Structure formats: structure tokens, C-alpha cells
Amino acid sequence: RLVLIVESPADVFGFELRSIQEFFAACYLVDTATDTEQRYRRFDAIARTSHWRNVALFFAGRVGRNSPGEASNVVEVCRNVDRSGVDSFVHRGAELALELAADRALEPDRVLQRSLLEHGLSVFDFKLSSRSRSSFIDFIRRLPFEDIRDHVLPILNERFSVVGQSGRMNICYLLTAVKPSSPRLRDALLDI
């Protein structure tokens, strides 16, 4: 397993480790696009399926490092995913945005990190199963302290007054996980 390149039975060389295959697939998709529009059509296509999730994460990271001027398109694709069809209920774009923020794929651009978190945290506005909520909270826990302080807590404070009962409960669970001493959590629990 330590050898990265292996020979298959058909006398063809390739990469046996799945994560290396996914990395090179993302590199190919980013680097061979003829223009920006094609690049983000490709990203939109892979962002919608869980089987391509790691490729999408590598894709966004590559864009963030190699084409920082185009990185805002990644955030816009996440938003577009949630604007139509079943995704307006399932919110796969928001989930991807949270995962990209947790991976810090668009770092060091703090504005884009905030945009990812604003869209990603919108998933907490809706009723969630405890399993989904726990998974989303794990993404937030992976963020550095600065992102929680500068982005997550202010966004949650803004959202709390405009979301429904399920959203407020989700925010309470999230605040309990990331900042149990928050005055907003105390006020939120009194409001519920």
C-alpha cells in the first residue's frame, strides 16, 4: 500500500489509492477546462452527488490556491445547488459549503470563508434529524477559533431572530457544542 503507482493486470499503470485518484481527477477537471464557465459547470455537476464529494473538495481547494480570483464562483455554485429541485429541501449546497469552510478550501480569503459559512449555516434554519444536525455541528467544530468567533457566532446571532422554532432549537444545539457560555444560548433557551 505504500507504492503510489501500481501496474494493473491489463499492463496499464494507475493509482490504487482512492484519495489519490480523487485528487488527480479534481486536478484534471480544474486544469483542462477551456474557460471559467466550463470549470464551474463541471464543479456544479460533481457538487450534487455524494460519490464525487472528495473530488469537489479537492476541486475547490485547487481553485482557491491556483485561481483565487475565481474562487467566489465556488460559493455561488453552492448557492445555486440549493435553488432548484429537490435540493431546495435537501440543501446539499449548504452542506457542501459547510464542508468547504471546515476544510478551509478557500483560505486565506476571509470574505469567501464568511460567505461559505453564511450559506452553510442556513441548513440549521430547517428541521433536522439528530444525525444530520450532529454531522453539521462536527463541521463547525473543525473550524479554527477565529472563524467561530468572527463568523459563526455573529451569523447565528443574526439568524436567531428570523428563524422558526426548529431553527432556534438547532442553533441552541450548535451553540451548546461550540460556545456553551454564550449569552445568546441563555437567552435562546429562555425564548423556547
C-alpha atoms as a PDB file:
ATOM      1  CA  ARG A   1       0.000   0.000   0.000  1.00  0.00           C
ATOM      2  CA  LEU A   2       2.989   2.311   0.233  1.00  0.00           C
ATOM      3  CA  VAL A   3       3.537   2.316  -3.526  1.00  0.00           C
ATOM      4  CA  LEU A   4       1.529   5.090  -5.166  1.00  0.00           C
ATOM      5  CA  ILE A   5       1.700   3.887  -8.764  1.00  0.00           C
ATOM      6  CA  VAL A   6       0.774   0.278  -9.485  1.00  0.00           C
ATOM      7  CA  GLU A   7       0.524  -1.900 -12.570  1.00  0.00           C
ATOM      8  CA  SER A   8      -2.872  -3.440 -13.184  1.00  0.00           C
ATOM      9  CA  PRO A   9      -3.416  -6.811 -14.887  1.00  0.00           C
ATOM     10  CA  ALA A  10      -4.048  -5.090 -18.242  1.00  0.00           C
ATOM     11  CA  ASP A  11      -0.486  -3.662 -18.362  1.00  0.00           C
ATOM     12  CA  VAL A  12      -1.822  -0.222 -17.533  1.00  0.00           C
ATOM     13  CA  PHE A  13      -0.368   1.910 -14.790  1.00  0.00           C
ATOM     14  CA  GLY A  14      -2.579   3.818 -12.374  1.00  0.00           C
ATOM     15  CA  PHE A  15      -3.163   4.932  -8.826  1.00  0.00           C
ATOM     16  CA  GLU A  16      -4.552   2.342  -6.449  1.00  0.00           C
ATOM     17  CA  LEU A  17      -5.355   4.634  -3.529  1.00  0.00           C
ATOM     18  CA  ARG A  18      -8.798   6.203  -3.925  1.00  0.00           C
ATOM     19  CA  SER A  19      -7.855   9.577  -2.422  1.00  0.00           C
ATOM     20  CA  ILE A  20      -5.007   9.983  -4.901  1.00  0.00           C
ATOM     21  CA  GLN A  21      -7.385   9.121  -7.760  1.00  0.00           C
ATOM     22  CA  GLU A  22      -9.808  11.747  -6.473  1.00  0.00           C
ATOM     23  CA  PHE A  23      -7.068  14.356  -6.167  1.00  0.00           C
ATOM     24  CA  PHE A  24      -5.902  13.829  -9.746  1.00  0.00           C
ATOM     25  CA  ALA A  25      -9.480  13.775 -11.029  1.00  0.00           C
ATOM     26  CA  ALA A  26     -10.004  17.205  -9.442  1.00  0.00           C
ATOM     27  CA  CYS A  27      -6.735  18.492 -10.911  1.00  0.00           C
ATOM     28  CA  TYR A  28      -7.772  17.300 -14.347  1.00  0.00           C
ATOM     29  CA  LEU A  29     -11.234  18.886 -14.095  1.00  0.00           C
ATOM     30  CA  VAL A  30      -9.804  22.231 -12.987  1.00  0.00           C
ATOM     31  CA  ASP A  31      -6.780  22.372 -15.255  1.00  0.00           C
ATOM     32  CA  THR A  32      -8.317  21.161 -18.516  1.00  0.00           C
ATOM     33  CA  ALA A  33     -11.359  23.433 -18.521  1.00  0.00           C
ATOM     34  CA  THR A  34     -11.246  25.682 -21.567  1.00  0.00           C
ATOM     35  CA  ASP A  35     -12.756  28.633 -19.691  1.00  0.00           C
ATOM     36  CA  THR A  36     -14.200  29.693 -16.356  1.00  0.00           C
ATOM     37  CA  GLU A  37     -17.753  28.814 -17.371  1.00  0.00           C
ATOM     38  CA  GLN A  38     -16.832  25.217 -18.228  1.00  0.00           C
ATOM     39  CA  ARG A  39     -14.859  24.886 -14.997  1.00  0.00           C
ATOM     40  CA  TYR A  40     -17.882  25.810 -12.890  1.00  0.00           C
ATOM     41  CA  ARG A  41     -20.305  23.711 -14.906  1.00  0.00           C
ATOM     42  CA  ARG A  42     -18.023  20.816 -14.018  1.00  0.00           C
ATOM     43  CA  PHE A  43     -17.976  21.823 -10.363  1.00  0.00           C
ATOM     44  CA  ASP A  44     -21.768  22.127 -10.342  1.00  0.00           C
ATOM     45  CA  ALA A  45     -22.061  18.613 -11.767  1.00  0.00           C
ATOM     46  CA  ILE A  46     -19.816  16.993  -9.152  1.00  0.00           C
ATOM     47  CA  ALA A  47     -21.126  19.096  -6.239  1.00  0.00           C
ATOM     48  CA  ARG A  48     -24.540  17.456  -6.487  1.00  0.00           C
ATOM     49  CA  THR A  49     -23.509  13.861  -5.860  1.00  0.00           C
ATOM     50  CA  SER A  50     -22.022  12.372  -2.719  1.00  0.00           C
ATOM     51  CA  HIS A  51     -19.895   9.917  -4.724  1.00  0.00           C
ATOM     52  CA  TRP A  52     -17.889  12.863  -6.053  1.00  0.00           C
ATOM     53  CA  ARG A  53     -17.706  14.782  -2.741  1.00  0.00           C
ATOM     54  CA  ASN A  54     -13.959  14.370  -2.208  1.00  0.00           C
ATOM     55  CA  VAL A  55     -13.280  15.381  -5.805  1.00  0.00           C
ATOM     56  CA  ALA A  56     -15.426  18.503  -5.249  1.00  0.00           C
ATOM     57  CA  LEU A  57     -13.446  19.343  -2.095  1.00  0.00           C
ATOM     58  CA  PHE A  58     -10.126  18.911  -3.905  1.00  0.00           C
ATOM     59  CA  PHE A  59     -11.519  20.921  -6.841  1.00  0.00           C
ATOM     60  CA  ALA A  60     -12.447  23.875  -4.623  1.00  0.00           C
ATOM     61  CA  GLY A  61      -9.111  23.764  -2.820  1.00  0.00           C
ATOM     62  CA  ARG A  62      -7.236  23.805  -6.115  1.00  0.00           C
ATOM     63  CA  VAL A  63      -9.246  26.771  -7.352  1.00  0.00           C
ATOM     64  CA  GLY A  64      -8.691  28.574  -4.039  1.00  0.00           C
ATOM     65  CA  ARG A  65      -4.933  28.156  -4.353  1.00  0.00           C
ATOM     66  CA  ASN A  66      -4.372  28.439  -8.107  1.00  0.00           C
ATOM     67  CA  SER A  67      -7.151  30.825  -9.185  1.00  0.00           C
ATOM     68  CA  PRO A  68      -8.140  32.928  -6.172  1.00  0.00           C
ATOM     69  CA  GLY A  69      -9.862  35.451  -8.448  1.00  0.00           C
ATOM     70  CA  GLU A  70     -12.337  32.770  -9.495  1.00  0.00           C
ATOM     71  CA  ALA A  71     -12.910  31.282  -6.037  1.00  0.00           C
ATOM     72  CA  SER A  72     -16.144  33.224  -5.457  1.00  0.00           C
ATOM     73  CA  ASN A  73     -17.676  31.036  -8.174  1.00  0.00           C
ATOM     74  CA  VAL A  74     -17.356  28.067  -5.796  1.00  0.00           C
ATOM     75  CA  VAL A  75     -19.607  29.825  -3.266  1.00  0.00           C
ATOM     76  CA  GLU A  76     -22.091  30.743  -5.988  1.00  0.00           C
ATOM     77  CA  VAL A  77     -22.295  27.120  -7.164  1.00  0.00           C
ATOM     78  CA  CYS A  78     -23.099  26.040  -3.581  1.00  0.00           C
ATOM     79  CA  ARG A  79     -25.922  28.596  -3.510  1.00  0.00           C
ATOM     80  CA  ASN A  80     -27.202  27.590  -6.945  1.00  0.00           C
ATOM     81  CA  VAL A  81     -27.357  23.931  -5.958  1.00  0.00           C
ATOM     82  CA  ASP A  82     -29.930  24.792  -3.273  1.00  0.00           C
ATOM     83  CA  ARG A  83     -32.103  26.973  -5.510  1.00  0.00           C
ATOM     84  CA  SER A  84     -33.844  24.278  -7.503  1.00  0.00           C
ATOM     85  CA  GLY A  85     -35.372  20.833  -7.443  1.00  0.00           C
ATOM     86  CA  VAL A  86     -35.027  18.512  -4.517  1.00  0.00           C
ATOM     87  CA  ASP A  87     -32.015  20.469  -3.240  1.00  0.00           C
ATOM     88  CA  SER A  88     -34.275  23.329  -2.184  1.00  0.00           C
ATOM     89  CA  PHE A  89     -35.374  20.852   0.529  1.00  0.00           C
ATOM     90  CA  VAL A  90     -32.268  18.691   0.989  1.00  0.00           C
ATOM     91  CA  HIS A  91     -29.732  21.574   0.984  1.00  0.00           C
ATOM     92  CA  ARG A  92     -26.754  19.702  -0.454  1.00  0.00           C
ATOM     93  CA  GLY A  93     -25.221  23.047  -1.430  1.00  0.00           C
ATOM     94  CA  ALA A  94     -25.308  24.293   2.161  1.00  0.00           C
ATOM     95  CA  GLU A  95     -23.818  21.021   3.350  1.00  0.00           C
ATOM     96  CA  LEU A  96     -21.014  21.327   0.790  1.00  0.00           C
ATOM     97  CA  ALA A  97     -20.427  24.951   1.841  1.00  0.00           C
ATOM     98  CA  LEU A  98     -20.035  23.855   5.479  1.00  0.00           C
ATOM     99  CA  GLU A  99     -17.625  21.114   4.483  1.00  0.00           C
ATOM    100  CA  LEU A 100     -15.587  23.517   2.320  1.00  0.00           C
ATOM    101  CA  ALA A 101     -15.455  26.009   5.201  1.00  0.00           C
ATOM    102  CA  ALA A 102     -14.369  23.262   7.614  1.00  0.00           C
ATOM    103  CA  ASP A 103     -11.625  22.224   5.175  1.00  0.00           C
ATOM    104  CA  ARG A 104     -10.719  25.907   4.689  1.00  0.00           C
ATOM    105  CA  ALA A 105     -10.630  25.295   0.960  1.00  0.00           C
ATOM    106  CA  LEU A 106     -10.772  28.972   0.022  1.00  0.00           C
ATOM    107  CA  GLU A 107      -8.309  30.222   2.615  1.00  0.00           C
ATOM    108  CA  PRO A 108      -6.824  32.742   3.183  1.00  0.00           C
ATOM    109  CA  ASP A 109      -9.762  34.745   1.794  1.00  0.00           C
ATOM    110  CA  ARG A 110     -11.756  35.581   4.941  1.00  0.00           C
ATOM    111  CA  VAL A 111     -14.611  37.132   2.926  1.00  0.00           C
ATOM    112  CA  LEU A 112     -15.167  33.906   0.995  1.00  0.00           C
ATOM    113  CA  GLN A 113     -14.879  31.872   4.199  1.00  0.00           C
ATOM    114  CA  ARG A 114     -17.658  34.013   5.672  1.00  0.00           C
ATOM    115  CA  SER A 115     -19.760  33.560   2.527  1.00  0.00           C
ATOM    116  CA  LEU A 116     -19.369  29.790   2.756  1.00  0.00           C
ATOM    117  CA  LEU A 117     -20.395  29.876   6.408  1.00  0.00           C
ATOM    118  CA  GLU A 118     -23.379  32.170   5.784  1.00  0.00           C
ATOM    119  CA  HIS A 119     -24.751  29.770   3.214  1.00  0.00           C
ATOM    120  CA  GLY A 120     -23.708  26.644   5.103  1.00  0.00           C
ATOM    121  CA  LEU A 121     -25.284  27.737   8.378  1.00  0.00           C
ATOM    122  CA  SER A 122     -28.608  28.203   6.582  1.00  0.00           C
ATOM    123  CA  VAL A 123     -29.016  24.428   6.884  1.00  0.00           C
ATOM    124  CA  PHE A 124     -29.734  24.973  10.591  1.00  0.00           C
ATOM    125  CA  ASP A 125     -32.849  27.014   9.708  1.00  0.00           C
ATOM    126  CA  PHE A 126     -34.810  23.855   8.952  1.00  0.00           C
ATOM    127  CA  LYS A 127     -35.906  20.797  10.844  1.00  0.00           C
ATOM    128  CA  LEU A 128     -33.000  18.327  11.002  1.00  0.00           C
ATOM    129  CA  SER A 129     -32.661  14.774  12.167  1.00  0.00           C
ATOM    130  CA  SER A 130     -30.350  14.425  15.156  1.00  0.00           C
ATOM    131  CA  ARG A 131     -27.881  12.541  12.944  1.00  0.00           C
ATOM    132  CA  SER A 132     -27.763  15.319  10.314  1.00  0.00           C
ATOM    133  CA  ARG A 133     -27.537  18.029  12.964  1.00  0.00           C
ATOM    134  CA  SER A 134     -24.667  16.199  14.653  1.00  0.00           C
ATOM    135  CA  SER A 135     -22.838  15.829  11.339  1.00  0.00           C
ATOM    136  CA  PHE A 136     -23.210  19.550  10.573  1.00  0.00           C
ATOM    137  CA  ILE A 137     -22.072  20.504  14.069  1.00  0.00           C
ATOM    138  CA  ASP A 138     -18.943  18.375  13.556  1.00  0.00           C
ATOM    139  CA  PHE A 139     -18.070  20.532  10.527  1.00  0.00           C
ATOM    140  CA  ILE A 140     -18.361  23.652  12.684  1.00  0.00           C
ATOM    141  CA  ARG A 141     -16.198  22.121  15.427  1.00  0.00           C
ATOM    142  CA  ARG A 142     -13.396  21.669  12.884  1.00  0.00           C
ATOM    143  CA  LEU A 143     -13.216  25.423  12.291  1.00  0.00           C
ATOM    144  CA  PRO A 144     -10.460  27.455  13.915  1.00  0.00           C
ATOM    145  CA  PHE A 145     -11.429  29.580  16.915  1.00  0.00           C
ATOM    146  CA  GLU A 146     -11.173  32.792  14.846  1.00  0.00           C
ATOM    147  CA  ASP A 147     -13.795  31.571  12.374  1.00  0.00           C
ATOM    148  CA  ILE A 148     -16.188  30.632  15.163  1.00  0.00           C
ATOM    149  CA  ARG A 149     -15.668  33.977  16.902  1.00  0.00           C
ATOM    150  CA  ASP A 150     -15.646  36.216  13.815  1.00  0.00           C
ATOM    151  CA  HIS A 151     -18.140  34.407  11.582  1.00  0.00           C
ATOM    152  CA  VAL A 152     -20.214  31.643  13.142  1.00  0.00           C
ATOM    153  CA  LEU A 153     -21.379  33.403  16.311  1.00  0.00           C
ATOM    154  CA  PRO A 154     -22.344  36.691  14.585  1.00  0.00           C
ATOM    155  CA  ILE A 155     -24.189  34.799  11.832  1.00  0.00           C
ATOM    156  CA  LEU A 156     -26.088  32.735  14.402  1.00  0.00           C
ATOM    157  CA  ASN A 157     -26.998  35.880  16.346  1.00  0.00           C
ATOM    158  CA  GLU A 158     -28.426  37.442  13.177  1.00  0.00           C
ATOM    159  CA  ARG A 159     -30.349  34.303  12.217  1.00  0.00           C
ATOM    160  CA  PHE A 160     -31.828  33.524  15.596  1.00  0.00           C
ATOM    161  CA  SER A 161     -34.499  36.211  15.456  1.00  0.00           C
ATOM    162  CA  VAL A 162     -35.654  35.331  11.928  1.00  0.00           C
ATOM    163  CA  VAL A 163     -35.841  31.530  12.017  1.00  0.00           C
ATOM    164  CA  GLY A 164     -38.697  29.376  13.238  1.00  0.00           C
ATOM    165  CA  GLN A 165     -38.862  27.123  16.266  1.00  0.00           C
ATOM    166  CA  SER A 166     -36.858  24.262  14.704  1.00  0.00           C
ATOM    167  CA  GLY A 167     -34.172  26.687  13.590  1.00  0.00           C
ATOM    168  CA  ARG A 168     -33.870  28.138  17.083  1.00  0.00           C
ATOM    169  CA  MET A 169     -33.539  24.635  18.528  1.00  0.00           C
ATOM    170  CA  ASN A 170     -30.805  23.784  16.014  1.00  0.00           C
ATOM    171  CA  ILE A 171     -28.976  26.996  16.877  1.00  0.00           C
ATOM    172  CA  CYS A 172     -29.191  26.072  20.572  1.00  0.00           C
ATOM    173  CA  TYR A 173     -27.649  22.673  19.868  1.00  0.00           C
ATOM    174  CA  LEU A 174     -24.901  24.311  17.820  1.00  0.00           C
ATOM    175  CA  LEU A 175     -24.183  26.964  20.465  1.00  0.00           C
ATOM    176  CA  THR A 176     -24.044  24.270  23.141  1.00  0.00           C
ATOM    177  CA  ALA A 177     -21.392  22.479  21.090  1.00  0.00           C
ATOM    178  CA  VAL A 178     -19.202  25.465  20.178  1.00  0.00           C
ATOM    179  CA  LYS A 179     -19.772  28.044  22.925  1.00  0.00           C
ATOM    180  CA  PRO A 180     -21.823  26.832  25.877  1.00  0.00           C
ATOM    181  CA  SER A 181     -21.159  30.060  27.814  1.00  0.00           C
ATOM    182  CA  SER A 182     -22.734  32.226  25.109  1.00  0.00           C
ATOM    183  CA  PRO A 183     -25.255  34.800  26.392  1.00  0.00           C
ATOM    184  CA  ARG A 184     -27.238  34.149  23.205  1.00  0.00           C
ATOM    185  CA  LEU A 185     -27.641  30.499  24.245  1.00  0.00           C
ATOM    186  CA  ARG A 186     -29.000  31.510  27.628  1.00  0.00           C
ATOM    187  CA  ASP A 187     -31.455  33.951  26.001  1.00  0.00           C
ATOM    188  CA  ALA A 188     -32.379  31.395  23.346  1.00  0.00           C
ATOM    189  CA  LEU A 189     -33.207  28.737  25.896  1.00  0.00           C
ATOM    190  CA  LEU A 190     -35.429  31.189  27.737  1.00  0.00           C
ATOM    191  CA  ASP A 191     -37.232  32.070  24.487  1.00  0.00           C
ATOM    192  CA  ILE A 192     -38.014  28.448  23.576  1.00  0.00           C
END
